[in-house]
Amino acid sequence: MTSSPQLRGLCVADPDLFFPIGSTGPALVQIEEAKAVCRACPVMQQCQEWALENREEHGVWGGLDEHQRRAILRARARGRATRPRIPIPTFPTYREAYDLLTLATDGHIEWTGPGEVRIDGERRSPNQVAWRATREQAPVGRVFPDCDHQGCVQHLADQTVRAKRAPKQLAA
């Protein structure tokens, strides 16, 4: 039996994070925190496969929770696709999603999470989450990055910001 990739993973810093008690309420936030660590881990793929091969029943392994691993194993048993259909992470507030899925680097705030999250039952982009979390109000129109730094969600512009910068048209 091969040794667990967890010994080389980022999870060694806080193993308890990866074994939440329950699967609702505060445990959902803990599960998303663990998955965020997994997404940055150099052995995520190996950990995922190890957990599936060893039929790990509990905890977050390789960015997959217990339900996701069971679904993959069922699909494999039926001879279907083996890649997981990872659900969109759900957060209770914009601020919680922002705090959990961003990282300050080089004068920017980078989004480290998936391409969208669910808040209040609605899908939201990283730019929408960052705008609402930091300004506590809805944007006017679409939100676009306002700098060239890859993944930056600190420097954003909505329609109001863009309109203020546009040259004033002279009245005829």
N, C-alpha and C. Protein backbone atom coordinates (compact mmCIF):
# COMPACT_ATOMS: atom_id res chain seq x y z
N MET A 1 0.84 -1.18 0.00
CA MET A 1 0.00 0.00 0.00
C MET A 1 0.88 1.24 0.00
N THR A 2 0.60 2.18 -0.87
CA THR A 2 1.39 3.41 -0.93
C THR A 2 1.03 4.30 0.24
N SER A 3 1.97 5.16 0.62
CA SER A 3 1.70 6.06 1.73
C SER A 3 0.81 7.21 1.26
N SER A 4 0.11 7.78 2.20
CA SER A 4 -0.82 8.86 1.90
C SER A 4 -0.07 10.10 1.44
N PRO A 5 -0.53 10.74 0.36
CA PRO A 5 0.10 11.99 -0.09
C PRO A 5 -0.11 13.11 0.92
N GLN A 6 -1.01 12.88 1.87
CA GLN A 6 -1.27 13.90 2.89
C GLN A 6 0.01 14.24 3.66
N LEU A 7 0.93 13.32 3.75
CA LEU A 7 2.18 13.58 4.46
C LEU A 7 3.00 14.67 3.77
N ARG A 8 2.76 14.90 2.46
CA ARG A 8 3.48 15.92 1.71
C ARG A 8 2.59 17.12 1.39
N GLY A 9 1.34 17.07 1.83
CA GLY A 9 0.38 18.10 1.47
C GLY A 9 0.34 19.29 2.42
N LEU A 10 -0.38 20.31 2.00
CA LEU A 10 -0.54 21.51 2.82
C LEU A 10 -1.40 21.26 4.05
N CYS A 11 -2.14 20.17 4.05
CA CYS A 11 -3.06 19.87 5.14
C CYS A 11 -2.33 19.50 6.43
N VAL A 12 -1.04 19.21 6.37
CA VAL A 12 -0.32 18.84 7.59
C VAL A 12 -0.29 19.98 8.60
N ALA A 13 -0.46 21.22 8.14
CA ALA A 13 -0.43 22.36 9.05
C ALA A 13 -1.64 22.39 9.97
N ASP A 14 -2.80 21.91 9.50
CA ASP A 14 -4.03 21.93 10.31
C ASP A 14 -4.93 20.77 9.90
N PRO A 15 -4.57 19.54 10.28
CA PRO A 15 -5.34 18.37 9.83
C PRO A 15 -6.81 18.39 10.27
N ASP A 16 -7.11 18.98 11.42
CA ASP A 16 -8.49 19.00 11.91
C ASP A 16 -9.43 19.75 10.97
N LEU A 17 -8.89 20.72 10.22
CA LEU A 17 -9.71 21.48 9.28
C LEU A 17 -10.37 20.56 8.27
N PHE A 18 -9.74 19.45 7.93
CA PHE A 18 -10.19 18.57 6.86
C PHE A 18 -11.19 17.52 7.33
N PHE A 19 -11.56 17.57 8.60
CA PHE A 19 -12.53 16.62 9.14
C PHE A 19 -13.60 17.35 9.93
N PRO A 20 -14.47 18.09 9.21
CA PRO A 20 -15.53 18.84 9.89
C PRO A 20 -16.55 17.89 10.52
N ILE A 21 -17.19 18.37 11.55
CA ILE A 21 -18.24 17.60 12.20
C ILE A 21 -19.57 18.03 11.58
N GLY A 22 -20.15 17.15 10.78
CA GLY A 22 -21.40 17.45 10.11
C GLY A 22 -21.19 17.88 8.67
N SER A 23 -22.31 18.23 8.02
CA SER A 23 -22.24 18.67 6.63
C SER A 23 -23.20 19.82 6.35
N THR A 24 -23.60 20.52 7.41
CA THR A 24 -24.47 21.68 7.26
C THR A 24 -23.96 22.81 8.15
N GLY A 25 -24.50 23.99 7.95
CA GLY A 25 -24.16 25.14 8.79
C GLY A 25 -22.68 25.45 8.78
N PRO A 26 -22.08 25.60 9.98
CA PRO A 26 -20.65 25.95 10.07
C PRO A 26 -19.74 24.92 9.41
N ALA A 27 -20.17 23.68 9.35
CA ALA A 27 -19.35 22.65 8.71
C ALA A 27 -19.16 22.93 7.23
N LEU A 28 -20.17 23.54 6.58
CA LEU A 28 -20.05 23.88 5.15
C LEU A 28 -18.92 24.89 4.94
N VAL A 29 -18.82 25.86 5.83
CA VAL A 29 -17.75 26.85 5.73
C VAL A 29 -16.41 26.18 5.92
N GLN A 30 -16.33 25.26 6.90
CA GLN A 30 -15.09 24.54 7.16
C GLN A 30 -14.71 23.68 5.96
N ILE A 31 -15.68 23.06 5.32
CA ILE A 31 -15.42 22.24 4.13
C ILE A 31 -14.86 23.11 3.02
N GLU A 32 -15.43 24.28 2.80
CA GLU A 32 -14.93 25.19 1.76
C GLU A 32 -13.53 25.69 2.09
N GLU A 33 -13.24 25.93 3.36
CA GLU A 33 -11.89 26.34 3.76
C GLU A 33 -10.89 25.23 3.44
N ALA A 34 -11.26 24.01 3.75
CA ALA A 34 -10.37 22.87 3.48
C ALA A 34 -10.15 22.73 1.98
N LYS A 35 -11.21 22.86 1.19
CA LYS A 35 -11.08 22.74 -0.26
C LYS A 35 -10.21 23.86 -0.84
N ALA A 36 -10.27 25.04 -0.25
CA ALA A 36 -9.42 26.15 -0.70
C ALA A 36 -7.95 25.82 -0.48
N VAL A 37 -7.64 25.18 0.65
CA VAL A 37 -6.26 24.75 0.91
C VAL A 37 -5.87 23.70 -0.13
N CYS A 38 -6.77 22.77 -0.40
CA CYS A 38 -6.49 21.71 -1.39
C CYS A 38 -6.17 22.29 -2.76
N ARG A 39 -6.91 23.33 -3.17
CA ARG A 39 -6.70 23.89 -4.51
C ARG A 39 -5.29 24.45 -4.69
N ALA A 40 -4.65 24.82 -3.58
CA ALA A 40 -3.29 25.36 -3.66
C ALA A 40 -2.23 24.30 -3.39
N CYS A 41 -2.64 23.08 -3.15
CA CYS A 41 -1.71 22.02 -2.72
C CYS A 41 -1.04 21.34 -3.91
N PRO A 42 0.27 21.11 -3.82
CA PRO A 42 0.99 20.47 -4.93
C PRO A 42 0.66 18.99 -5.12
N VAL A 43 0.05 18.34 -4.13
CA VAL A 43 -0.27 16.92 -4.26
C VAL A 43 -1.78 16.67 -4.28
N MET A 44 -2.54 17.68 -4.69
CA MET A 44 -4.00 17.56 -4.68
C MET A 44 -4.48 16.36 -5.50
N GLN A 45 -4.00 16.21 -6.72
CA GLN A 45 -4.46 15.12 -7.59
C GLN A 45 -4.11 13.76 -7.00
N GLN A 46 -2.89 13.60 -6.49
CA GLN A 46 -2.48 12.33 -5.90
C GLN A 46 -3.32 12.01 -4.67
N CYS A 47 -3.60 13.03 -3.88
CA CYS A 47 -4.41 12.86 -2.68
C CYS A 47 -5.83 12.41 -3.04
N GLN A 48 -6.37 13.03 -4.08
CA GLN A 48 -7.71 12.69 -4.55
C GLN A 48 -7.77 11.21 -4.96
N GLU A 49 -6.82 10.79 -5.77
CA GLU A 49 -6.80 9.40 -6.22
C GLU A 49 -6.56 8.44 -5.07
N TRP A 50 -5.68 8.81 -4.13
CA TRP A 50 -5.41 7.95 -2.98
C TRP A 50 -6.69 7.74 -2.17
N ALA A 51 -7.43 8.83 -1.95
CA ALA A 51 -8.67 8.74 -1.17
C ALA A 51 -9.70 7.86 -1.88
N LEU A 52 -9.76 7.95 -3.20
CA LEU A 52 -10.70 7.13 -3.95
C LEU A 52 -10.27 5.65 -3.94
N GLU A 53 -8.99 5.41 -4.16
CA GLU A 53 -8.48 4.03 -4.15
C GLU A 53 -8.67 3.37 -2.79
N ASN A 54 -8.51 4.13 -1.72
CA ASN A 54 -8.60 3.60 -0.37
C ASN A 54 -9.98 3.78 0.24
N ARG A 55 -10.90 4.28 -0.57
CA ARG A 55 -12.30 4.46 -0.14
C ARG A 55 -12.42 5.19 1.20
N GLU A 56 -11.71 6.31 1.28
CA GLU A 56 -11.80 7.16 2.47
C GLU A 56 -13.24 7.63 2.62
N GLU A 57 -13.82 7.38 3.77
CA GLU A 57 -15.22 7.72 3.98
C GLU A 57 -15.43 9.09 4.59
N HIS A 58 -14.45 9.63 5.27
CA HIS A 58 -14.65 10.86 6.03
C HIS A 58 -13.65 11.94 5.61
N GLY A 59 -14.09 13.17 5.71
CA GLY A 59 -13.20 14.31 5.51
C GLY A 59 -13.07 14.79 4.08
N VAL A 60 -12.25 15.81 3.93
CA VAL A 60 -11.94 16.39 2.62
C VAL A 60 -10.56 15.88 2.21
N TRP A 61 -10.50 15.27 1.03
CA TRP A 61 -9.25 14.72 0.49
C TRP A 61 -9.12 15.17 -0.96
N GLY A 62 -8.03 15.80 -1.30
CA GLY A 62 -7.79 16.21 -2.68
C GLY A 62 -8.86 17.14 -3.21
N GLY A 63 -9.43 17.95 -2.34
CA GLY A 63 -10.45 18.91 -2.76
C GLY A 63 -11.83 18.33 -2.93
N LEU A 64 -12.02 17.07 -2.55
CA LEU A 64 -13.32 16.42 -2.66
C LEU A 64 -13.86 16.08 -1.27
N ASP A 65 -15.14 16.36 -1.07
CA ASP A 65 -15.75 15.97 0.20
C ASP A 65 -16.30 14.55 0.09
N GLU A 66 -16.87 14.05 1.17
CA GLU A 66 -17.35 12.67 1.23
C GLU A 66 -18.38 12.37 0.16
N HIS A 67 -19.31 13.30 -0.05
CA HIS A 67 -20.38 13.09 -1.03
C HIS A 67 -19.83 13.03 -2.45
N GLN A 68 -18.87 13.88 -2.75
CA GLN A 68 -18.27 13.89 -4.08
C GLN A 68 -17.51 12.60 -4.36
N ARG A 69 -16.78 12.12 -3.36
CA ARG A 69 -16.04 10.86 -3.55
C ARG A 69 -16.98 9.69 -3.77
N ARG A 70 -18.06 9.64 -3.00
CA ARG A 70 -19.03 8.55 -3.18
C ARG A 70 -19.64 8.59 -4.58
N ALA A 71 -19.94 9.79 -5.07
CA ALA A 71 -20.53 9.93 -6.41
C ALA A 71 -19.55 9.44 -7.48
N ILE A 72 -18.29 9.76 -7.32
CA ILE A 72 -17.27 9.31 -8.28
C ILE A 72 -17.17 7.79 -8.26
N LEU A 73 -17.13 7.20 -7.07
CA LEU A 73 -17.02 5.75 -6.97
C LEU A 73 -18.24 5.05 -7.57
N ARG A 74 -19.43 5.62 -7.37
CA ARG A 74 -20.65 5.05 -7.97
C ARG A 74 -20.56 5.13 -9.50
N ALA A 75 -20.11 6.27 -10.00
CA ALA A 75 -19.99 6.44 -11.46
C ALA A 75 -18.97 5.46 -12.03
N ARG A 76 -17.87 5.28 -11.34
CA ARG A 76 -16.85 4.33 -11.81
C ARG A 76 -17.40 2.91 -11.81
N ALA A 77 -18.18 2.57 -10.80
CA ALA A 77 -18.75 1.23 -10.72
C ALA A 77 -19.72 0.96 -11.87
N ARG A 78 -20.38 2.00 -12.36
CA ARG A 78 -21.31 1.87 -13.49
C ARG A 78 -20.60 2.04 -14.83
N GLY A 79 -19.28 2.26 -14.79
CA GLY A 79 -18.52 2.42 -16.02
C GLY A 79 -18.70 3.78 -16.66
N ARG A 80 -19.08 4.77 -15.89
CA ARG A 80 -19.27 6.12 -16.43
C ARG A 80 -18.05 6.97 -16.15
N ALA A 81 -18.17 8.23 -16.49
CA ALA A 81 -17.06 9.19 -16.33
C ALA A 81 -16.52 9.17 -14.91
N THR A 82 -15.21 9.38 -14.81
CA THR A 82 -14.58 9.34 -13.50
C THR A 82 -14.26 10.72 -12.94
N ARG A 83 -14.39 11.76 -13.75
CA ARG A 83 -14.11 13.11 -13.25
C ARG A 83 -15.29 13.60 -12.43
N PRO A 84 -15.02 14.19 -11.29
CA PRO A 84 -16.12 14.65 -10.44
C PRO A 84 -16.82 15.87 -11.01
N ARG A 85 -18.09 15.94 -10.80
CA ARG A 85 -18.84 17.16 -11.09
C ARG A 85 -18.87 17.91 -9.78
N ILE A 86 -17.98 18.85 -9.65
CA ILE A 86 -17.83 19.56 -8.40
C ILE A 86 -18.88 20.66 -8.31
N PRO A 87 -19.71 20.62 -7.27
CA PRO A 87 -20.75 21.64 -7.15
C PRO A 87 -20.18 23.01 -6.89
N ILE A 88 -20.95 24.02 -7.23
CA ILE A 88 -20.54 25.40 -6.98
C ILE A 88 -20.57 25.64 -5.48
N PRO A 89 -19.46 26.13 -4.90
CA PRO A 89 -19.45 26.38 -3.46
C PRO A 89 -20.50 27.42 -3.08
N THR A 90 -21.12 27.22 -1.94
CA THR A 90 -22.15 28.12 -1.44
C THR A 90 -21.66 28.80 -0.17
N PHE A 91 -21.92 30.09 -0.08
CA PHE A 91 -21.52 30.87 1.09
C PHE A 91 -22.72 31.67 1.61
N PRO A 92 -22.77 31.89 2.92
CA PRO A 92 -23.89 32.65 3.47
C PRO A 92 -23.84 34.14 3.14
N THR A 93 -22.62 34.70 3.00
CA THR A 93 -22.49 36.13 2.71
C THR A 93 -21.36 36.37 1.71
N TYR A 94 -21.42 37.53 1.08
CA TYR A 94 -20.34 37.93 0.17
C TYR A 94 -19.03 38.05 0.93
N ARG A 95 -19.09 38.61 2.13
CA ARG A 95 -17.87 38.83 2.92
C ARG A 95 -17.18 37.51 3.25
N GLU A 96 -17.97 36.50 3.62
CA GLU A 96 -17.36 35.20 3.95
C GLU A 96 -16.68 34.58 2.74
N ALA A 97 -17.33 34.65 1.58
CA ALA A 97 -16.72 34.12 0.36
C ALA A 97 -15.44 34.88 0.04
N TYR A 98 -15.50 36.19 0.14
CA TYR A 98 -14.33 37.04 -0.16
C TYR A 98 -13.18 36.74 0.80
N ASP A 99 -13.47 36.67 2.08
CA ASP A 99 -12.42 36.42 3.07
C ASP A 99 -11.78 35.05 2.89
N LEU A 100 -12.58 34.08 2.49
CA LEU A 100 -12.07 32.72 2.34
C LEU A 100 -11.33 32.48 1.04
N LEU A 101 -11.73 33.17 -0.02
CA LEU A 101 -11.24 32.83 -1.35
C LEU A 101 -10.32 33.88 -1.98
N THR A 102 -9.81 34.81 -1.18
CA THR A 102 -8.88 35.80 -1.72
C THR A 102 -7.57 35.76 -0.94
N LEU A 103 -6.55 36.31 -1.58
CA LEU A 103 -5.21 36.34 -0.99
C LEU A 103 -4.53 37.64 -1.38
N ALA A 104 -3.99 38.36 -0.40
CA ALA A 104 -3.28 39.61 -0.68
C ALA A 104 -1.87 39.29 -1.17
N THR A 105 -1.51 39.83 -2.37
CA THR A 105 -0.17 39.63 -2.92
C THR A 105 0.24 40.85 -3.72
N ASP A 106 1.42 41.35 -3.48
CA ASP A 106 2.03 42.41 -4.29
C ASP A 106 1.11 43.61 -4.56
N GLY A 107 0.41 44.09 -3.55
CA GLY A 107 -0.45 45.26 -3.73
C GLY A 107 -1.77 44.97 -4.41
N HIS A 108 -2.10 43.69 -4.55
CA HIS A 108 -3.36 43.28 -5.17
C HIS A 108 -4.05 42.26 -4.27
N ILE A 109 -5.32 42.09 -4.49
CA ILE A 109 -6.06 41.01 -3.84
C ILE A 109 -6.43 40.03 -4.96
N GLU A 110 -5.91 38.80 -4.87
CA GLU A 110 -6.15 37.80 -5.90
C GLU A 110 -7.23 36.83 -5.48
N TRP A 111 -8.09 36.48 -6.44
CA TRP A 111 -9.12 35.47 -6.23
C TRP A 111 -8.48 34.10 -6.35
N THR A 112 -8.64 33.24 -5.34
CA THR A 112 -8.04 31.91 -5.37
C THR A 112 -9.08 30.81 -5.54
N GLY A 113 -10.34 31.20 -5.56
CA GLY A 113 -11.41 30.21 -5.62
C GLY A 113 -11.84 29.87 -7.03
N PRO A 114 -12.98 29.19 -7.13
CA PRO A 114 -13.50 28.78 -8.43
C PRO A 114 -14.04 29.98 -9.21
N GLY A 115 -14.42 29.74 -10.45
CA GLY A 115 -14.90 30.80 -11.33
C GLY A 115 -16.24 31.38 -10.95
N GLU A 116 -16.96 30.72 -10.08
CA GLU A 116 -18.20 31.28 -9.56
C GLU A 116 -18.55 30.61 -8.24
N VAL A 117 -19.33 31.32 -7.44
CA VAL A 117 -19.82 30.80 -6.17
C VAL A 117 -21.31 31.10 -6.09
N ARG A 118 -21.96 30.49 -5.14
CA ARG A 118 -23.39 30.71 -4.95
C ARG A 118 -23.61 31.44 -3.62
N ILE A 119 -24.34 32.54 -3.69
CA ILE A 119 -24.71 33.31 -2.50
C ILE A 119 -26.19 33.65 -2.64
N ASP A 120 -26.96 33.40 -1.59
CA ASP A 120 -28.42 33.62 -1.63
C ASP A 120 -29.06 32.90 -2.81
N GLY A 121 -28.54 31.73 -3.15
CA GLY A 121 -29.12 30.94 -4.23
C GLY A 121 -28.76 31.40 -5.63
N GLU A 122 -27.96 32.47 -5.74
CA GLU A 122 -27.59 33.03 -7.05
C GLU A 122 -26.11 32.80 -7.33
N ARG A 123 -25.80 32.51 -8.58
CA ARG A 123 -24.39 32.37 -8.98
C ARG A 123 -23.78 33.75 -9.09
N ARG A 124 -22.55 33.89 -8.57
CA ARG A 124 -21.85 35.17 -8.59
C ARG A 124 -20.41 34.96 -9.06
N SER A 125 -19.92 35.91 -9.85
CA SER A 125 -18.53 35.85 -10.32
C SER A 125 -17.61 36.37 -9.22
N PRO A 126 -16.31 36.08 -9.32
CA PRO A 126 -15.38 36.64 -8.35
C PRO A 126 -15.45 38.16 -8.27
N ASN A 127 -15.58 38.84 -9.42
CA ASN A 127 -15.67 40.30 -9.41
C ASN A 127 -16.92 40.79 -8.67
N GLN A 128 -18.05 40.12 -8.88
CA GLN A 128 -19.27 40.50 -8.18
C GLN A 128 -19.14 40.30 -6.68
N VAL A 129 -18.54 39.19 -6.28
CA VAL A 129 -18.35 38.91 -4.86
C VAL A 129 -17.46 39.97 -4.23
N ALA A 130 -16.34 40.26 -4.88
CA ALA A 130 -15.40 41.24 -4.33
C ALA A 130 -16.03 42.62 -4.24
N TRP A 131 -16.76 43.00 -5.28
CA TRP A 131 -17.40 44.33 -5.27
C TRP A 131 -18.34 44.46 -4.09
N ARG A 132 -19.23 43.50 -3.94
CA ARG A 132 -20.23 43.57 -2.86
C ARG A 132 -19.61 43.42 -1.48
N ALA A 133 -18.58 42.59 -1.36
CA ALA A 133 -17.95 42.38 -0.05
C ALA A 133 -17.21 43.63 0.42
N THR A 134 -16.58 44.34 -0.51
CA THR A 134 -15.77 45.50 -0.11
C THR A 134 -16.54 46.81 -0.13
N ARG A 135 -17.62 46.88 -0.88
CA ARG A 135 -18.38 48.13 -0.98
C ARG A 135 -19.75 48.04 -0.33
N GLU A 136 -20.15 46.82 0.01
CA GLU A 136 -21.44 46.56 0.67
C GLU A 136 -22.62 47.14 -0.09
N GLN A 137 -22.53 47.12 -1.40
CA GLN A 137 -23.65 47.55 -2.26
C GLN A 137 -23.51 46.86 -3.60
N ALA A 138 -24.62 46.78 -4.30
CA ALA A 138 -24.62 46.16 -5.62
C ALA A 138 -23.93 47.08 -6.62
N PRO A 139 -23.22 46.51 -7.59
CA PRO A 139 -22.61 47.33 -8.63
C PRO A 139 -23.67 47.84 -9.61
N VAL A 140 -23.33 48.86 -10.34
CA VAL A 140 -24.19 49.34 -11.42
C VAL A 140 -23.63 48.75 -12.71
N GLY A 141 -24.40 47.89 -13.35
CA GLY A 141 -23.93 47.23 -14.56
C GLY A 141 -22.91 46.15 -14.25
N ARG A 142 -22.13 45.79 -15.26
CA ARG A 142 -21.12 44.73 -15.10
C ARG A 142 -19.88 45.26 -14.39
N VAL A 143 -19.22 44.35 -13.68
CA VAL A 143 -17.98 44.68 -12.96
C VAL A 143 -16.82 44.09 -13.74
N PHE A 144 -15.82 44.94 -14.04
CA PHE A 144 -14.65 44.50 -14.79
C PHE A 144 -13.39 44.77 -13.98
N PRO A 145 -12.34 43.98 -14.20
CA PRO A 145 -11.05 44.28 -13.57
C PRO A 145 -10.55 45.63 -14.08
N ASP A 146 -9.90 46.36 -13.21
CA ASP A 146 -9.41 47.69 -13.56
C ASP A 146 -7.87 47.75 -13.52
N CYS A 147 -7.25 46.57 -13.60
CA CYS A 147 -5.79 46.51 -13.66
C CYS A 147 -5.40 45.26 -14.44
N ASP A 148 -4.13 45.15 -14.77
CA ASP A 148 -3.67 44.03 -15.59
C ASP A 148 -3.16 42.85 -14.77
N HIS A 149 -3.17 42.94 -13.45
CA HIS A 149 -2.68 41.86 -12.60
C HIS A 149 -3.64 40.68 -12.68
N GLN A 150 -3.14 39.51 -13.05
CA GLN A 150 -3.96 38.31 -13.22
C GLN A 150 -4.72 37.96 -11.95
N GLY A 151 -6.04 37.84 -12.04
CA GLY A 151 -6.86 37.41 -10.92
C GLY A 151 -7.16 38.47 -9.88
N CYS A 152 -6.77 39.72 -10.13
CA CYS A 152 -6.98 40.79 -9.16
C CYS A 152 -8.47 41.12 -9.04
N VAL A 153 -8.97 41.14 -7.80
CA VAL A 153 -10.35 41.53 -7.55
C VAL A 153 -10.40 42.74 -6.62
N GLN A 154 -9.27 43.42 -6.50
CA GLN A 154 -9.21 44.63 -5.68
C GLN A 154 -9.52 45.87 -6.53
N HIS A 155 -8.93 45.93 -7.69
CA HIS A 155 -9.08 47.07 -8.57
C HIS A 155 -10.17 46.76 -9.60
N LEU A 156 -11.40 47.19 -9.28
CA LEU A 156 -12.56 46.87 -10.11
C LEU A 156 -13.29 48.15 -10.51
N ALA A 157 -14.04 48.05 -11.58
CA ALA A 157 -14.83 49.21 -12.03
C ALA A 157 -16.21 48.73 -12.47
N ASP A 158 -17.24 49.41 -12.00
CA ASP A 158 -18.59 49.16 -12.50
C ASP A 158 -18.95 50.28 -13.46
N GLN A 159 -20.18 50.33 -13.92
CA GLN A 159 -20.60 51.34 -14.90
C GLN A 159 -20.43 52.75 -14.36
N THR A 160 -20.70 52.98 -13.08
CA THR A 160 -20.58 54.30 -12.48
C THR A 160 -19.12 54.78 -12.50
N VAL A 161 -18.20 53.90 -12.13
CA VAL A 161 -16.77 54.24 -12.13
C VAL A 161 -16.31 54.54 -13.55
N ARG A 162 -16.71 53.71 -14.50
CA ARG A 162 -16.29 53.92 -15.88
C ARG A 162 -16.86 55.22 -16.44
N ALA A 163 -18.08 55.56 -16.09
CA ALA A 163 -18.72 56.79 -16.59
C ALA A 163 -18.01 58.03 -16.06
N LYS A 164 -17.53 57.99 -14.83
CA LYS A 164 -16.82 59.14 -14.25
C LYS A 164 -15.51 59.41 -14.99
N ARG A 165 -14.91 58.36 -15.53
CA ARG A 165 -13.63 58.51 -16.24
C ARG A 165 -13.81 58.92 -17.69
N ALA A 166 -14.96 58.66 -18.27
CA ALA A 166 -15.21 58.95 -19.69
C ALA A 166 -15.17 60.46 -19.90
N PRO A 167 -14.57 60.89 -21.01
CA PRO A 167 -14.53 62.34 -21.27
C PRO A 167 -15.95 62.87 -21.46
N LYS A 168 -16.19 64.02 -20.88
CA LYS A 168 -17.50 64.66 -20.97
C LYS A 168 -17.73 65.12 -22.40
N GLN A 169 -18.90 64.81 -22.92
CA GLN A 169 -19.23 65.25 -24.28
C GLN A 169 -19.72 66.69 -24.21
N LEU A 170 -19.25 67.47 -25.14
CA LEU A 170 -19.65 68.88 -25.19
C LEU A 170 -21.07 69.00 -25.71
N ALA A 171 -21.83 69.81 -25.05
CA ALA A 171 -23.22 70.04 -25.49
C ALA A 171 -23.19 70.84 -26.79
N ALA A 172 -24.00 70.46 -27.75
CA ALA A 172 -23.99 71.13 -29.04
C ALA A 172 -24.87 72.35 -29.04
